[in-house]
N, C-alpha and C. Protein backbone atom coordinates (compact mmCIF):
# COMPACT_ATOMS: atom_id res chain seq x y z
N MET A 1 46.84 -20.39 7.22
CA MET A 1 48.00 -20.01 6.43
C MET A 1 47.60 -19.77 4.99
N GLY A 2 46.62 -20.51 4.48
CA GLY A 2 46.24 -20.39 3.07
C GLY A 2 45.87 -19.00 2.65
N SER A 3 45.00 -18.33 3.42
CA SER A 3 44.58 -16.98 3.02
C SER A 3 45.71 -15.99 3.18
N GLY A 4 46.56 -16.17 4.21
CA GLY A 4 47.71 -15.29 4.37
C GLY A 4 48.69 -15.44 3.22
N PHE A 5 48.90 -16.69 2.81
CA PHE A 5 49.79 -16.95 1.67
C PHE A 5 49.23 -16.32 0.41
N LEU A 6 47.92 -16.48 0.19
CA LEU A 6 47.29 -15.90 -0.99
C LEU A 6 47.42 -14.38 -0.98
N ALA A 7 47.22 -13.78 0.18
CA ALA A 7 47.32 -12.32 0.25
C ALA A 7 48.71 -11.84 -0.10
N THR A 8 49.74 -12.57 0.34
CA THR A 8 51.10 -12.13 0.03
C THR A 8 51.42 -12.34 -1.44
N CYS A 9 50.73 -13.25 -2.09
CA CYS A 9 50.93 -13.46 -3.52
C CYS A 9 50.30 -12.33 -4.33
N LEU A 10 49.41 -11.59 -3.71
CA LEU A 10 48.70 -10.55 -4.43
C LEU A 10 49.31 -9.17 -4.26
N VAL A 11 50.56 -9.13 -3.79
CA VAL A 11 51.26 -7.84 -3.69
C VAL A 11 51.22 -7.20 -5.06
N PRO A 12 50.82 -5.94 -5.16
CA PRO A 12 50.70 -5.31 -6.47
C PRO A 12 51.99 -5.44 -7.28
N ALA A 13 51.84 -5.82 -8.52
CA ALA A 13 52.99 -5.98 -9.40
C ALA A 13 53.78 -4.69 -9.51
N ALA A 14 53.09 -3.56 -9.44
CA ALA A 14 53.77 -2.27 -9.53
C ALA A 14 54.78 -2.11 -8.40
N GLY A 15 54.47 -2.64 -7.21
CA GLY A 15 55.39 -2.56 -6.08
C GLY A 15 56.67 -3.31 -6.35
N TRP A 16 56.56 -4.51 -6.89
CA TRP A 16 57.75 -5.30 -7.21
C TRP A 16 58.46 -4.70 -8.42
N ALA A 17 57.72 -4.25 -9.39
CA ALA A 17 58.33 -3.68 -10.60
C ALA A 17 59.14 -2.44 -10.27
N ALA A 18 58.73 -1.70 -9.25
CA ALA A 18 59.45 -0.48 -8.88
C ALA A 18 60.86 -0.78 -8.39
N LEU A 19 61.11 -2.02 -7.99
CA LEU A 19 62.43 -2.40 -7.53
C LEU A 19 63.44 -2.48 -8.66
N LEU A 20 62.97 -2.71 -9.85
CA LEU A 20 63.85 -3.09 -10.95
C LEU A 20 64.21 -1.94 -11.87
N PRO A 21 65.44 -1.95 -12.35
CA PRO A 21 65.85 -0.92 -13.31
C PRO A 21 65.24 -1.20 -14.68
N ASP A 22 65.39 -0.25 -15.57
CA ASP A 22 64.83 -0.40 -16.91
C ASP A 22 65.60 -1.37 -17.79
N GLY A 23 66.82 -1.75 -17.41
CA GLY A 23 67.66 -2.62 -18.23
C GLY A 23 67.04 -3.98 -18.48
N THR A 24 67.58 -4.70 -19.41
CA THR A 24 66.99 -5.99 -19.78
C THR A 24 67.75 -7.17 -19.19
N ARG A 25 68.90 -6.94 -18.53
CA ARG A 25 69.67 -8.04 -17.97
C ARG A 25 69.78 -7.88 -16.46
N ARG A 26 69.58 -9.00 -15.73
CA ARG A 26 69.76 -9.01 -14.28
C ARG A 26 70.63 -10.20 -13.92
N SER A 27 71.66 -9.94 -13.16
CA SER A 27 72.59 -10.99 -12.76
C SER A 27 72.73 -11.03 -11.25
N LEU A 28 73.06 -12.22 -10.74
CA LEU A 28 73.30 -12.42 -9.32
C LEU A 28 74.51 -13.33 -9.15
N SER A 29 75.13 -13.26 -7.98
CA SER A 29 76.18 -14.22 -7.65
C SER A 29 76.00 -14.66 -6.20
N PHE A 30 76.32 -15.93 -5.96
CA PHE A 30 76.10 -16.55 -4.66
C PHE A 30 77.33 -17.35 -4.23
N PHE A 31 77.47 -17.47 -2.92
CA PHE A 31 78.41 -18.40 -2.31
C PHE A 31 77.64 -19.12 -1.22
N ASN A 32 77.53 -20.45 -1.33
CA ASN A 32 76.82 -21.22 -0.32
C ASN A 32 77.79 -21.55 0.80
N THR A 33 77.54 -20.98 1.99
CA THR A 33 78.47 -21.13 3.11
C THR A 33 78.54 -22.56 3.64
N HIS A 34 77.56 -23.39 3.32
CA HIS A 34 77.54 -24.77 3.82
C HIS A 34 78.18 -25.75 2.85
N THR A 35 78.06 -25.50 1.56
CA THR A 35 78.58 -26.45 0.57
C THR A 35 79.85 -25.96 -0.12
N GLY A 36 80.13 -24.67 0.01
CA GLY A 36 81.30 -24.10 -0.66
C GLY A 36 81.08 -23.81 -2.14
N GLU A 37 79.87 -24.05 -2.64
CA GLU A 37 79.57 -23.81 -4.06
C GLU A 37 79.45 -22.32 -4.34
N ARG A 38 79.85 -21.97 -5.56
CA ARG A 38 79.74 -20.59 -6.05
C ARG A 38 78.93 -20.60 -7.33
N LEU A 39 78.22 -19.50 -7.56
CA LEU A 39 77.42 -19.37 -8.78
C LEU A 39 77.31 -17.89 -9.13
N ALA A 40 77.60 -17.55 -10.36
CA ALA A 40 77.41 -16.20 -10.87
C ALA A 40 76.78 -16.34 -12.24
N LEU A 41 75.64 -15.69 -12.44
CA LEU A 41 74.95 -15.85 -13.71
C LEU A 41 73.92 -14.76 -13.94
N CYS A 42 73.52 -14.63 -15.20
CA CYS A 42 72.42 -13.76 -15.60
C CYS A 42 71.15 -14.61 -15.51
N TYR A 43 70.19 -14.17 -14.70
CA TYR A 43 68.96 -14.95 -14.53
C TYR A 43 67.76 -14.36 -15.28
N PHE A 44 67.94 -13.15 -15.83
CA PHE A 44 66.84 -12.47 -16.54
C PHE A 44 67.44 -11.69 -17.70
N LYS A 45 66.94 -11.93 -18.91
CA LYS A 45 67.39 -11.14 -20.06
C LYS A 45 66.32 -11.13 -21.13
N ASP A 46 66.35 -10.10 -21.95
CA ASP A 46 65.39 -9.95 -23.04
C ASP A 46 63.94 -10.08 -22.56
N GLY A 47 63.68 -9.54 -21.37
CA GLY A 47 62.32 -9.50 -20.85
C GLY A 47 61.80 -10.79 -20.26
N ALA A 48 62.68 -11.78 -20.00
CA ALA A 48 62.20 -13.06 -19.47
C ALA A 48 63.23 -13.68 -18.51
N TYR A 49 62.72 -14.47 -17.60
CA TYR A 49 63.59 -15.24 -16.71
C TYR A 49 64.19 -16.39 -17.49
N CYS A 50 65.43 -16.70 -17.22
CA CYS A 50 66.16 -17.76 -17.93
C CYS A 50 65.96 -19.09 -17.20
N PRO A 51 65.25 -20.05 -17.79
CA PRO A 51 64.95 -21.30 -17.10
C PRO A 51 66.19 -22.04 -16.60
N ASP A 52 67.24 -22.13 -17.41
CA ASP A 52 68.43 -22.84 -16.97
C ASP A 52 69.09 -22.13 -15.79
N ALA A 53 69.13 -20.82 -15.84
CA ALA A 53 69.71 -20.05 -14.73
C ALA A 53 68.89 -20.26 -13.46
N MET A 54 67.57 -20.26 -13.58
CA MET A 54 66.73 -20.48 -12.40
C MET A 54 66.93 -21.89 -11.84
N ARG A 55 67.11 -22.89 -12.70
CA ARG A 55 67.38 -24.26 -12.22
C ARG A 55 68.69 -24.28 -11.42
N ARG A 56 69.68 -23.56 -11.91
CA ARG A 56 70.97 -23.52 -11.22
C ARG A 56 70.87 -22.77 -9.89
N ILE A 57 70.07 -21.70 -9.87
CA ILE A 57 69.83 -20.98 -8.62
C ILE A 57 69.09 -21.88 -7.63
N ASN A 58 68.06 -22.58 -8.11
CA ASN A 58 67.31 -23.49 -7.24
C ASN A 58 68.25 -24.52 -6.61
N HIS A 59 69.22 -24.99 -7.41
CA HIS A 59 70.15 -26.01 -6.90
C HIS A 59 71.05 -25.44 -5.81
N ILE A 60 71.64 -24.28 -6.02
CA ILE A 60 72.55 -23.74 -5.01
C ILE A 60 71.81 -23.30 -3.75
N LEU A 61 70.52 -22.98 -3.88
CA LEU A 61 69.71 -22.58 -2.73
C LEU A 61 68.97 -23.76 -2.09
N ARG A 62 69.30 -24.98 -2.51
CA ARG A 62 68.63 -26.17 -1.99
C ARG A 62 68.84 -26.32 -0.49
N ASP A 63 68.05 -27.19 0.11
CA ASP A 63 68.22 -27.55 1.52
C ASP A 63 69.51 -28.38 1.60
N HIS A 64 70.56 -27.81 2.14
CA HIS A 64 71.85 -28.50 2.16
C HIS A 64 71.84 -29.69 3.11
N ARG A 65 70.86 -29.77 3.99
CA ARG A 65 70.79 -30.88 4.94
C ARG A 65 70.18 -32.13 4.30
N THR A 66 69.22 -31.93 3.40
CA THR A 66 68.52 -33.07 2.78
C THR A 66 68.82 -33.23 1.30
N GLY A 67 69.29 -32.17 0.66
CA GLY A 67 69.50 -32.18 -0.78
C GLY A 67 68.25 -31.85 -1.57
N ASP A 68 67.13 -31.61 -0.88
CA ASP A 68 65.87 -31.28 -1.55
C ASP A 68 65.99 -29.92 -2.26
N VAL A 69 65.45 -29.87 -3.48
CA VAL A 69 65.46 -28.65 -4.30
C VAL A 69 64.03 -28.17 -4.46
N GLN A 70 63.85 -26.86 -4.40
CA GLN A 70 62.53 -26.24 -4.56
C GLN A 70 62.66 -25.10 -5.56
N ALA A 71 61.65 -24.90 -6.37
CA ALA A 71 61.64 -23.74 -7.26
C ALA A 71 61.55 -22.49 -6.40
N MET A 72 62.52 -21.61 -6.55
CA MET A 72 62.55 -20.37 -5.77
C MET A 72 61.71 -19.31 -6.47
N ASP A 73 61.13 -18.43 -5.67
CA ASP A 73 60.28 -17.35 -6.16
C ASP A 73 61.12 -16.38 -7.01
N PHE A 74 60.67 -16.13 -8.22
CA PHE A 74 61.35 -15.18 -9.10
C PHE A 74 61.49 -13.81 -8.43
N ARG A 75 60.45 -13.42 -7.69
CA ARG A 75 60.49 -12.11 -7.03
C ARG A 75 61.60 -12.03 -5.99
N LEU A 76 61.96 -13.17 -5.39
CA LEU A 76 63.05 -13.17 -4.43
C LEU A 76 64.36 -12.84 -5.13
N MET A 77 64.54 -13.36 -6.34
CA MET A 77 65.76 -13.04 -7.09
C MET A 77 65.77 -11.55 -7.45
N ASP A 78 64.63 -11.03 -7.83
CA ASP A 78 64.54 -9.60 -8.15
C ASP A 78 64.79 -8.73 -6.92
N LEU A 79 64.32 -9.19 -5.77
CA LEU A 79 64.57 -8.47 -4.53
C LEU A 79 66.07 -8.47 -4.21
N LEU A 80 66.72 -9.62 -4.35
CA LEU A 80 68.16 -9.70 -4.12
C LEU A 80 68.92 -8.81 -5.10
N TYR A 81 68.49 -8.82 -6.35
CA TYR A 81 69.12 -7.98 -7.36
C TYR A 81 69.02 -6.50 -6.95
N SER A 82 67.85 -6.10 -6.48
CA SER A 82 67.64 -4.72 -6.05
C SER A 82 68.47 -4.37 -4.82
N VAL A 83 68.58 -5.30 -3.88
CA VAL A 83 69.40 -5.07 -2.69
C VAL A 83 70.85 -4.89 -3.10
N HIS A 84 71.33 -5.77 -3.96
CA HIS A 84 72.72 -5.72 -4.42
C HIS A 84 73.02 -4.36 -5.07
N ARG A 85 72.11 -3.89 -5.90
CA ARG A 85 72.28 -2.58 -6.55
C ARG A 85 72.22 -1.45 -5.52
N HIS A 86 71.31 -1.57 -4.56
CA HIS A 86 71.10 -0.52 -3.56
C HIS A 86 72.35 -0.30 -2.70
N VAL A 87 73.04 -1.39 -2.35
CA VAL A 87 74.23 -1.27 -1.51
C VAL A 87 75.50 -1.09 -2.34
N GLY A 88 75.39 -1.25 -3.66
CA GLY A 88 76.56 -1.10 -4.52
C GLY A 88 77.59 -2.19 -4.28
N ALA A 89 77.12 -3.38 -4.02
CA ALA A 89 78.02 -4.49 -3.69
C ALA A 89 78.68 -5.07 -4.93
N GLY A 90 79.91 -5.51 -4.75
CA GLY A 90 80.60 -6.20 -5.82
C GLY A 90 80.83 -7.66 -5.48
N SER A 91 80.48 -8.04 -4.26
CA SER A 91 80.71 -9.41 -3.80
C SER A 91 79.43 -10.24 -3.91
N PRO A 92 79.59 -11.57 -3.93
CA PRO A 92 78.41 -12.43 -4.01
C PRO A 92 77.67 -12.48 -2.67
N PHE A 93 76.38 -12.77 -2.73
CA PHE A 93 75.62 -13.02 -1.51
C PHE A 93 76.13 -14.32 -0.89
N HIS A 94 76.37 -14.29 0.40
CA HIS A 94 76.68 -15.52 1.13
C HIS A 94 75.36 -16.08 1.63
N ILE A 95 75.09 -17.31 1.25
CA ILE A 95 73.82 -17.96 1.60
C ILE A 95 73.98 -18.67 2.93
N ILE A 96 73.16 -18.29 3.90
CA ILE A 96 73.11 -18.97 5.18
C ILE A 96 72.01 -20.03 5.11
N SER A 97 70.87 -19.65 4.54
CA SER A 97 69.76 -20.59 4.37
C SER A 97 68.90 -20.14 3.20
N GLY A 98 68.63 -21.04 2.30
CA GLY A 98 67.71 -20.78 1.19
C GLY A 98 66.46 -21.60 1.43
N TYR A 99 66.22 -22.56 0.54
CA TYR A 99 65.07 -23.45 0.72
C TYR A 99 65.31 -24.33 1.94
N ARG A 100 64.23 -24.59 2.69
CA ARG A 100 64.26 -25.55 3.80
C ARG A 100 63.11 -26.52 3.61
N SER A 101 63.40 -27.79 3.62
CA SER A 101 62.34 -28.79 3.56
C SER A 101 61.53 -28.71 4.85
N PRO A 102 60.28 -29.18 4.82
CA PRO A 102 59.49 -29.20 6.06
C PRO A 102 60.18 -29.98 7.18
N LYS A 103 60.87 -31.06 6.81
CA LYS A 103 61.59 -31.87 7.81
C LYS A 103 62.70 -31.04 8.47
N THR A 104 63.48 -30.34 7.66
CA THR A 104 64.55 -29.50 8.21
C THR A 104 63.97 -28.37 9.04
N ASN A 105 62.91 -27.75 8.56
CA ASN A 105 62.31 -26.64 9.30
C ASN A 105 61.82 -27.10 10.67
N ALA A 106 61.18 -28.28 10.72
CA ALA A 106 60.69 -28.82 11.99
C ALA A 106 61.85 -29.09 12.95
N ARG A 107 62.94 -29.63 12.43
CA ARG A 107 64.11 -29.91 13.26
C ARG A 107 64.71 -28.60 13.81
N LEU A 108 64.82 -27.59 12.95
CA LEU A 108 65.37 -26.31 13.39
C LEU A 108 64.46 -25.63 14.40
N ARG A 109 63.15 -25.80 14.22
CA ARG A 109 62.18 -25.21 15.16
C ARG A 109 62.33 -25.78 16.56
N LYS A 110 62.70 -27.05 16.64
CA LYS A 110 62.91 -27.68 17.96
C LYS A 110 64.15 -27.12 18.64
N GLN A 111 65.10 -26.63 17.83
CA GLN A 111 66.37 -26.12 18.36
C GLN A 111 66.33 -24.62 18.65
N SER A 112 65.40 -23.89 18.03
CA SER A 112 65.39 -22.43 18.16
C SER A 112 63.98 -21.88 18.10
N SER A 113 63.72 -20.89 18.92
CA SER A 113 62.40 -20.24 18.90
C SER A 113 62.29 -19.26 17.73
N GLY A 114 63.40 -18.99 17.03
CA GLY A 114 63.41 -18.03 15.94
C GLY A 114 63.03 -18.60 14.59
N VAL A 115 62.56 -19.86 14.56
CA VAL A 115 62.20 -20.50 13.30
C VAL A 115 60.67 -20.58 13.23
N ALA A 116 60.09 -19.98 12.20
CA ALA A 116 58.63 -19.94 12.04
C ALA A 116 58.10 -21.32 11.63
N LYS A 117 56.96 -21.69 12.19
CA LYS A 117 56.33 -22.97 11.85
C LYS A 117 55.99 -23.04 10.37
N PHE A 118 55.48 -21.95 9.82
CA PHE A 118 55.12 -21.89 8.40
C PHE A 118 56.09 -20.96 7.66
N SER A 119 57.36 -21.28 7.77
CA SER A 119 58.42 -20.44 7.23
C SER A 119 58.33 -20.28 5.71
N TYR A 120 58.60 -19.07 5.26
CA TYR A 120 58.67 -18.81 3.82
C TYR A 120 59.82 -19.59 3.18
N HIS A 121 60.79 -20.00 3.97
CA HIS A 121 61.88 -20.83 3.44
C HIS A 121 61.32 -22.12 2.83
N MET A 122 60.27 -22.67 3.43
CA MET A 122 59.69 -23.93 2.94
C MET A 122 58.94 -23.74 1.61
N LEU A 123 58.67 -22.51 1.25
CA LEU A 123 57.95 -22.20 0.01
C LEU A 123 58.88 -21.69 -1.09
N GLY A 124 60.17 -21.60 -0.80
CA GLY A 124 61.11 -21.03 -1.77
C GLY A 124 60.96 -19.53 -1.89
N ARG A 125 60.48 -18.90 -0.83
CA ARG A 125 60.22 -17.45 -0.87
C ARG A 125 61.06 -16.68 0.13
N ALA A 126 62.13 -17.30 0.68
CA ALA A 126 62.96 -16.62 1.68
C ALA A 126 64.41 -17.06 1.55
N ILE A 127 65.29 -16.18 2.01
CA ILE A 127 66.72 -16.47 2.03
C ILE A 127 67.36 -15.69 3.17
N ASP A 128 68.34 -16.31 3.82
CA ASP A 128 69.14 -15.65 4.85
C ASP A 128 70.51 -15.40 4.25
N ILE A 129 70.98 -14.14 4.36
CA ILE A 129 72.17 -13.73 3.60
C ILE A 129 73.13 -12.88 4.43
N ARG A 130 74.34 -12.81 3.91
CA ARG A 130 75.36 -11.82 4.29
C ARG A 130 75.94 -11.30 2.99
N LEU A 131 76.56 -10.14 3.06
CA LEU A 131 77.32 -9.60 1.93
C LEU A 131 78.70 -9.21 2.45
N PRO A 132 79.73 -9.97 2.11
CA PRO A 132 81.07 -9.64 2.60
C PRO A 132 81.43 -8.19 2.28
N GLY A 133 82.04 -7.55 3.26
CA GLY A 133 82.42 -6.15 3.09
C GLY A 133 81.31 -5.18 3.45
N HIS A 134 80.14 -5.71 3.82
CA HIS A 134 79.00 -4.87 4.20
C HIS A 134 78.50 -5.32 5.56
N ASP A 135 78.51 -4.40 6.50
CA ASP A 135 78.00 -4.67 7.84
C ASP A 135 76.54 -5.11 7.72
N THR A 136 76.15 -6.15 8.47
CA THR A 136 74.77 -6.64 8.35
C THR A 136 73.74 -5.61 8.82
N ARG A 137 74.14 -4.68 9.69
CA ARG A 137 73.20 -3.60 10.08
C ARG A 137 72.88 -2.73 8.87
N LYS A 138 73.91 -2.44 8.07
CA LYS A 138 73.70 -1.63 6.87
C LYS A 138 72.96 -2.42 5.80
N LEU A 139 73.24 -3.71 5.72
CA LEU A 139 72.51 -4.57 4.77
C LEU A 139 71.03 -4.59 5.16
N ARG A 140 70.74 -4.72 6.44
CA ARG A 140 69.36 -4.69 6.92
C ARG A 140 68.68 -3.38 6.53
N LYS A 141 69.37 -2.26 6.75
CA LYS A 141 68.79 -0.96 6.42
C LYS A 141 68.51 -0.86 4.92
N ALA A 142 69.43 -1.34 4.09
CA ALA A 142 69.21 -1.32 2.64
C ALA A 142 67.98 -2.13 2.27
N CYS A 143 67.82 -3.30 2.90
CA CYS A 143 66.63 -4.13 2.63
C CYS A 143 65.36 -3.42 3.08
N MET A 144 65.42 -2.77 4.23
CA MET A 144 64.25 -2.06 4.74
C MET A 144 63.90 -0.85 3.87
N ASP A 145 64.91 -0.19 3.33
CA ASP A 145 64.68 0.98 2.48
C ASP A 145 63.82 0.63 1.26
N LEU A 146 63.89 -0.61 0.80
CA LEU A 146 63.11 -1.03 -0.38
C LEU A 146 61.63 -1.21 -0.04
N LYS A 147 61.33 -1.37 1.26
CA LYS A 147 59.95 -1.52 1.73
C LYS A 147 59.17 -2.59 0.96
N THR A 148 59.84 -3.71 0.73
CA THR A 148 59.24 -4.82 0.00
C THR A 148 59.64 -6.12 0.68
N GLY A 149 58.65 -6.93 1.03
CA GLY A 149 58.94 -8.23 1.63
C GLY A 149 59.31 -8.11 3.10
N GLY A 150 59.57 -9.27 3.70
CA GLY A 150 59.96 -9.32 5.10
C GLY A 150 61.45 -9.14 5.25
N VAL A 151 61.85 -8.45 6.32
CA VAL A 151 63.26 -8.22 6.61
C VAL A 151 63.50 -8.53 8.08
N GLY A 152 64.24 -9.60 8.33
CA GLY A 152 64.60 -9.97 9.69
C GLY A 152 66.09 -9.77 9.90
N TYR A 153 66.44 -9.28 11.08
CA TYR A 153 67.86 -9.02 11.39
C TYR A 153 68.27 -9.91 12.55
N TYR A 154 69.33 -10.68 12.35
CA TYR A 154 69.83 -11.62 13.34
C TYR A 154 71.29 -11.27 13.66
N PRO A 155 71.50 -10.27 14.53
CA PRO A 155 72.86 -9.78 14.77
C PRO A 155 73.79 -10.82 15.41
N ARG A 156 73.28 -11.67 16.30
CA ARG A 156 74.15 -12.67 16.93
C ARG A 156 74.65 -13.70 15.93
N SER A 157 73.84 -14.01 14.93
CA SER A 157 74.25 -14.95 13.89
C SER A 157 74.80 -14.23 12.66
N ASP A 158 74.74 -12.91 12.66
CA ASP A 158 75.30 -12.06 11.61
C ASP A 158 74.71 -12.35 10.23
N PHE A 159 73.37 -12.30 10.14
CA PHE A 159 72.74 -12.42 8.83
C PHE A 159 71.44 -11.64 8.79
N VAL A 160 70.95 -11.44 7.57
CA VAL A 160 69.68 -10.77 7.33
C VAL A 160 68.79 -11.74 6.56
N HIS A 161 67.55 -11.84 6.97
CA HIS A 161 66.53 -12.65 6.30
C HIS A 161 65.73 -11.72 5.41
N VAL A 162 65.49 -12.12 4.16
CA VAL A 162 64.55 -11.41 3.30
C VAL A 162 63.59 -12.42 2.69
N ASP A 163 62.36 -11.99 2.48
CA ASP A 163 61.37 -12.86 1.86
C ASP A 163 60.39 -12.05 1.02
N THR A 164 59.53 -12.75 0.31
CA THR A 164 58.59 -12.09 -0.60
C THR A 164 57.18 -11.99 -0.01
N GLY A 165 57.09 -12.05 1.30
CA GLY A 165 55.81 -11.83 1.95
C GLY A 165 55.50 -10.34 2.00
N ALA A 166 54.51 -9.99 2.80
CA ALA A 166 54.15 -8.58 3.00
C ALA A 166 55.30 -7.87 3.70
N PHE A 167 55.42 -6.56 3.49
CA PHE A 167 56.50 -5.81 4.13
C PHE A 167 56.30 -5.80 5.64
N ARG A 168 57.35 -6.24 6.34
CA ARG A 168 57.38 -6.23 7.79
C ARG A 168 58.84 -6.38 8.21
N THR A 169 59.15 -6.03 9.45
CA THR A 169 60.52 -6.14 9.93
C THR A 169 60.51 -6.73 11.34
N TRP A 170 61.62 -7.33 11.73
CA TRP A 170 61.78 -7.88 13.06
C TRP A 170 63.26 -8.09 13.35
N ASN A 171 63.55 -8.27 14.63
CA ASN A 171 64.90 -8.63 15.06
C ASN A 171 64.84 -10.01 15.68
N GLY A 172 65.80 -10.82 15.34
CA GLY A 172 65.84 -12.19 15.86
C GLY A 172 66.81 -12.34 17.00
């Protein structure tokens, strides 16, 4: 896993930078489907990520089963920002799963074959989402159009997985 993880960290910066507009402010909004929490904030301004905003994002994306918090990948926020712009959404992302502790991931793996042993969720590099008012098939296509990171489609559970690994797609 170590060399694979390192390789995904070396995605050319130009690829990720191409996702972002020239503006200096980036905002996101979330609704955690498990806790009922909402968050809307600017996470990037004046050429830098906002530490307090990232702490608040880390908290809402925590493992809701254990309460464990993990620093989320900045690129994941930029990917979500790009997806939101691409689909022209006005609604917050509904969070199905953000960070997962190794304990939670192992438990979920016992219950489902669709949970990866070395999930990007455990690294703060993945999120499972819905966007109200947007069919998940169309959300999946919008994510795939960006050709950045992993995109998994789970139609029976009605969500899309995105991560900051190498570009790849799958159906769950």
